Amino acid sequence: MSKEVSFKNHDRFIQLGIAISSLRKIRGLSQEKLAEKAGISRALLSVIEAPNIAHCFSMEVFYNIADALDISPSDLLTASLFSDDIINKNKNKK
Protein backbone atom coordinates (compact mmCIF):
# COMPACT_ATOMS: atom_id res chain seq x y z
CA MET A 1 0.00 0.00 0.00
CA SER A 2 1.41 3.39 -0.87
CA LYS A 3 1.22 6.62 1.00
CA GLU A 4 -0.43 9.60 -0.66
CA VAL A 5 1.98 12.02 -2.34
CA SER A 6 2.10 15.47 -0.80
CA PHE A 7 1.27 18.50 -2.92
CA LYS A 8 4.89 19.64 -2.67
CA ASN A 9 6.20 16.41 -4.24
CA HIS A 10 3.40 15.77 -6.72
CA ASP A 11 5.23 17.12 -9.79
CA ARG A 12 8.48 15.41 -8.76
CA PHE A 13 6.87 11.98 -8.81
CA ILE A 14 5.24 12.71 -12.16
CA GLN A 15 8.56 13.87 -13.65
CA LEU A 16 10.31 10.78 -12.28
CA GLY A 17 7.67 8.52 -13.81
CA ILE A 18 8.05 10.23 -17.18
CA ALA A 19 11.85 9.89 -16.99
CA ILE A 20 11.53 6.17 -16.20
CA SER A 21 9.08 5.66 -19.05
CA SER A 22 11.23 7.60 -21.53
CA LEU A 23 14.44 5.78 -20.68
CA ARG A 24 12.64 2.42 -20.72
CA LYS A 25 11.49 3.13 -24.27
CA ILE A 26 14.95 4.38 -25.31
CA ARG A 27 16.40 1.13 -23.95
CA GLY A 28 13.86 -0.83 -26.02
CA LEU A 29 12.25 -2.47 -23.00
CA SER A 30 8.59 -3.28 -22.56
CA GLN A 31 6.95 -2.56 -19.22
CA GLU A 32 6.87 -6.31 -18.63
CA LYS A 33 10.62 -6.70 -19.23
CA LEU A 34 11.62 -3.71 -17.09
CA ALA A 35 9.30 -4.81 -14.29
CA GLU A 36 10.82 -8.30 -14.42
CA LYS A 37 14.38 -6.91 -14.33
CA ALA A 38 13.45 -4.61 -11.41
CA GLY A 39 11.63 -7.33 -9.48
CA ILE A 40 8.32 -5.47 -9.39
CA SER A 41 4.92 -6.03 -10.95
CA ARG A 42 4.05 -4.59 -14.34
CA ALA A 43 0.99 -3.02 -12.72
CA LEU A 44 3.18 -1.08 -10.28
CA LEU A 45 5.47 0.09 -13.08
CA SER A 46 2.44 1.16 -15.10
CA VAL A 47 1.18 3.33 -12.25
CA ILE A 48 4.66 4.81 -11.67
CA GLU A 49 4.95 5.72 -15.37
CA ALA A 50 1.41 7.11 -15.72
CA PRO A 51 1.89 10.74 -16.79
CA ASN A 52 -0.99 12.22 -14.78
CA ILE A 53 -0.69 10.15 -11.61
CA ALA A 54 1.72 10.92 -8.78
CA HIS A 55 2.34 7.56 -7.15
CA CYS A 56 4.55 7.28 -4.07
CA PHE A 57 6.89 4.27 -4.12
CA SER A 58 9.74 3.01 -1.98
CA MET A 59 13.43 3.79 -2.36
CA GLU A 60 14.02 0.07 -2.85
CA VAL A 61 11.72 0.09 -5.89
CA PHE A 62 13.44 3.25 -7.15
CA TYR A 63 16.91 1.70 -6.82
CA ASN A 64 15.75 -1.52 -8.48
CA ILE A 65 14.34 0.43 -11.43
CA ALA A 66 17.53 2.49 -11.75
CA ASP A 67 19.64 -0.68 -11.72
CA ALA A 68 17.37 -2.35 -14.28
CA LEU A 69 17.71 0.71 -16.55
CA ASP A 70 21.49 0.74 -15.99
CA ILE A 71 21.52 4.34 -14.78
CA SER A 72 22.73 5.81 -11.52
CA PRO A 73 19.92 6.75 -9.15
CA SER A 74 21.18 10.34 -9.04
CA ASP A 75 21.09 10.64 -12.84
CA LEU A 76 17.57 9.25 -12.90
CA LEU A 77 16.44 11.74 -10.25
CA THR A 78 17.88 14.71 -12.06
CA ALA A 79 16.91 13.61 -15.56
CA SER A 80 14.88 15.94 -17.67
CA LEU A 81 16.86 15.38 -20.84
CA PHE A 82 19.19 12.43 -21.11
CA SER A 83 22.72 12.94 -22.39
CA ASP A 84 23.96 10.87 -25.33
CA ASP A 85 26.08 8.66 -23.09
CA ILE A 86 23.03 7.67 -21.02
CA ILE A 87 20.87 7.11 -24.11
CA ASN A 88 23.47 5.02 -25.91
CA LYS A 89 24.69 3.01 -22.90
CA ASN A 90 24.03 -0.65 -23.59
CA LYS A 91 21.75 0.29 -26.48
CA ASN A 92 22.50 -2.98 -28.21
CA LYS A 93 21.87 -5.07 -25.08
CA LYS A 94 18.38 -6.43 -24.64
C-alpha atoms as a PDB file:
ATOM      1  CA  MET A   1       0.000   0.000   0.000  1.00  0.00           C
ATOM      2  CA  SER A   2       1.411   3.389  -0.873  1.00  0.00           C
ATOM      3  CA  LYS A   3       1.223   6.622   0.996  1.00  0.00           C
ATOM      4  CA  GLU A   4      -0.430   9.604  -0.661  1.00  0.00           C
ATOM      5  CA  VAL A   5       1.982  12.016  -2.337  1.00  0.00           C
ATOM      6  CA  SER A   6       2.103  15.468  -0.797  1.00  0.00           C
ATOM      7  CA  PHE A   7       1.271  18.497  -2.917  1.00  0.00           C
ATOM      8  CA  LYS A   8       4.887  19.641  -2.669  1.00  0.00           C
ATOM      9  CA  ASN A   9       6.197  16.414  -4.238  1.00  0.00           C
ATOM     10  CA  HIS A  10       3.397  15.774  -6.720  1.00  0.00           C
ATOM     11  CA  ASP A  11       5.226  17.120  -9.787  1.00  0.00           C
ATOM     12  CA  ARG A  12       8.477  15.415  -8.755  1.00  0.00           C
ATOM     13  CA  PHE A  13       6.874  11.980  -8.809  1.00  0.00           C
ATOM     14  CA  ILE A  14       5.237  12.708 -12.158  1.00  0.00           C
ATOM     15  CA  GLN A  15       8.563  13.867 -13.654  1.00  0.00           C
ATOM     16  CA  LEU A  16      10.306  10.778 -12.282  1.00  0.00           C
ATOM     17  CA  GLY A  17       7.674   8.518 -13.809  1.00  0.00           C
ATOM     18  CA  ILE A  18       8.049  10.234 -17.178  1.00  0.00           C
ATOM     19  CA  ALA A  19      11.852   9.886 -16.988  1.00  0.00           C
ATOM     20  CA  ILE A  20      11.527   6.172 -16.197  1.00  0.00           C
ATOM     21  CA  SER A  21       9.083   5.660 -19.053  1.00  0.00           C
ATOM     22  CA  SER A  22      11.228   7.603 -21.527  1.00  0.00           C
ATOM     23  CA  LEU A  23      14.436   5.783 -20.680  1.00  0.00           C
ATOM     24  CA  ARG A  24      12.645   2.416 -20.718  1.00  0.00           C
ATOM     25  CA  LYS A  25      11.489   3.131 -24.271  1.00  0.00           C
ATOM     26  CA  ILE A  26      14.951   4.376 -25.314  1.00  0.00           C
ATOM     27  CA  ARG A  27      16.402   1.126 -23.953  1.00  0.00           C
ATOM     28  CA  GLY A  28      13.863  -0.827 -26.016  1.00  0.00           C
ATOM     29  CA  LEU A  29      12.247  -2.466 -22.995  1.00  0.00           C
ATOM     30  CA  SER A  30       8.586  -3.278 -22.556  1.00  0.00           C
ATOM     31  CA  GLN A  31       6.946  -2.563 -19.221  1.00  0.00           C
ATOM     32  CA  GLU A  32       6.867  -6.308 -18.629  1.00  0.00           C
ATOM     33  CA  LYS A  33      10.617  -6.698 -19.225  1.00  0.00           C
ATOM     34  CA  LEU A  34      11.616  -3.711 -17.086  1.00  0.00           C
ATOM     35  CA  ALA A  35       9.300  -4.815 -14.287  1.00  0.00           C
ATOM     36  CA  GLU A  36      10.824  -8.297 -14.418  1.00  0.00           C
ATOM     37  CA  LYS A  37      14.383  -6.905 -14.326  1.00  0.00           C
ATOM     38  CA  ALA A  38      13.453  -4.612 -11.410  1.00  0.00           C
ATOM     39  CA  GLY A  39      11.634  -7.329  -9.475  1.00  0.00           C
ATOM     40  CA  ILE A  40       8.320  -5.473  -9.388  1.00  0.00           C
ATOM     41  CA  SER A  41       4.923  -6.031 -10.950  1.00  0.00           C
ATOM     42  CA  ARG A  42       4.054  -4.595 -14.342  1.00  0.00           C
ATOM     43  CA  ALA A  43       0.987  -3.024 -12.716  1.00  0.00           C
ATOM     44  CA  LEU A  44       3.181  -1.076 -10.280  1.00  0.00           C
ATOM     45  CA  LEU A  45       5.472   0.093 -13.080  1.00  0.00           C
ATOM     46  CA  SER A  46       2.442   1.160 -15.102  1.00  0.00           C
ATOM     47  CA  VAL A  47       1.176   3.330 -12.249  1.00  0.00           C
ATOM     48  CA  ILE A  48       4.658   4.814 -11.668  1.00  0.00           C
ATOM     49  CA  GLU A  49       4.955   5.725 -15.368  1.00  0.00           C
ATOM     50  CA  ALA A  50       1.414   7.105 -15.717  1.00  0.00           C
ATOM     51  CA  PRO A  51       1.886  10.739 -16.792  1.00  0.00           C
ATOM     52  CA  ASN A  52      -0.985  12.221 -14.777  1.00  0.00           C
ATOM     53  CA  ILE A  53      -0.690  10.149 -11.614  1.00  0.00           C
ATOM     54  CA  ALA A  54       1.724  10.918  -8.784  1.00  0.00           C
ATOM     55  CA  HIS A  55       2.344   7.558  -7.145  1.00  0.00           C
ATOM     56  CA  CYS A  56       4.553   7.283  -4.071  1.00  0.00           C
ATOM     57  CA  PHE A  57       6.889   4.275  -4.116  1.00  0.00           C
ATOM     58  CA  SER A  58       9.743   3.013  -1.984  1.00  0.00           C
ATOM     59  CA  MET A  59      13.425   3.793  -2.360  1.00  0.00           C
ATOM     60  CA  GLU A  60      14.019   0.070  -2.855  1.00  0.00           C
ATOM     61  CA  VAL A  61      11.719   0.090  -5.894  1.00  0.00           C
ATOM     62  CA  PHE A  62      13.436   3.251  -7.147  1.00  0.00           C
ATOM     63  CA  TYR A  63      16.911   1.701  -6.819  1.00  0.00           C
ATOM     64  CA  ASN A  64      15.745  -1.521  -8.477  1.00  0.00           C
ATOM     65  CA  ILE A  65      14.340   0.428 -11.428  1.00  0.00           C
ATOM     66  CA  ALA A  66      17.530   2.490 -11.754  1.00  0.00           C
ATOM     67  CA  ASP A  67      19.643  -0.683 -11.722  1.00  0.00           C
ATOM     68  CA  ALA A  68      17.370  -2.352 -14.285  1.00  0.00           C
ATOM     69  CA  LEU A  69      17.707   0.709 -16.551  1.00  0.00           C
ATOM     70  CA  ASP A  70      21.488   0.744 -15.985  1.00  0.00           C
ATOM     71  CA  ILE A  71      21.517   4.337 -14.783  1.00  0.00           C
ATOM     72  CA  SER A  72      22.732   5.808 -11.520  1.00  0.00           C
ATOM     73  CA  PRO A  73      19.924   6.749  -9.153  1.00  0.00           C
ATOM     74  CA  SER A  74      21.183  10.341  -9.039  1.00  0.00           C
ATOM     75  CA  ASP A  75      21.089  10.636 -12.838  1.00  0.00           C
ATOM     76  CA  LEU A  76      17.566   9.247 -12.895  1.00  0.00           C
ATOM     77  CA  LEU A  77      16.441  11.739 -10.251  1.00  0.00           C
ATOM     78  CA  THR A  78      17.878  14.714 -12.064  1.00  0.00           C
ATOM     79  CA  ALA A  79      16.913  13.606 -15.557  1.00  0.00           C
ATOM     80  CA  SER A  80      14.881  15.936 -17.668  1.00  0.00           C
ATOM     81  CA  LEU A  81      16.859  15.378 -20.840  1.00  0.00           C
ATOM     82  CA  PHE A  82      19.190  12.429 -21.113  1.00  0.00           C
ATOM     83  CA  SER A  83      22.721  12.941 -22.391  1.00  0.00           C
ATOM     84  CA  ASP A  84      23.957  10.874 -25.328  1.00  0.00           C
ATOM     85  CA  ASP A  85      26.085   8.656 -23.087  1.00  0.00           C
ATOM     86  CA  ILE A  86      23.025   7.673 -21.017  1.00  0.00           C
ATOM     87  CA  ILE A  87      20.873   7.107 -24.107  1.00  0.00           C
ATOM     88  CA  ASN A  88      23.467   5.016 -25.910  1.00  0.00           C
ATOM     89  CA  LYS A  89      24.694   3.012 -22.904  1.00  0.00           C
ATOM     90  CA  ASN A  90      24.034  -0.655 -23.591  1.00  0.00           C
ATOM     91  CA  LYS A  91      21.745   0.292 -26.481  1.00  0.00           C
ATOM     92  CA  ASN A  92      22.501  -2.975 -28.212  1.00  0.00           C
ATOM     93  CA  LYS A  93      21.872  -5.067 -25.075  1.00  0.00           C
ATOM     94  CA  LYS A  94      18.379  -6.428 -24.645  1.00  0.00           C
END
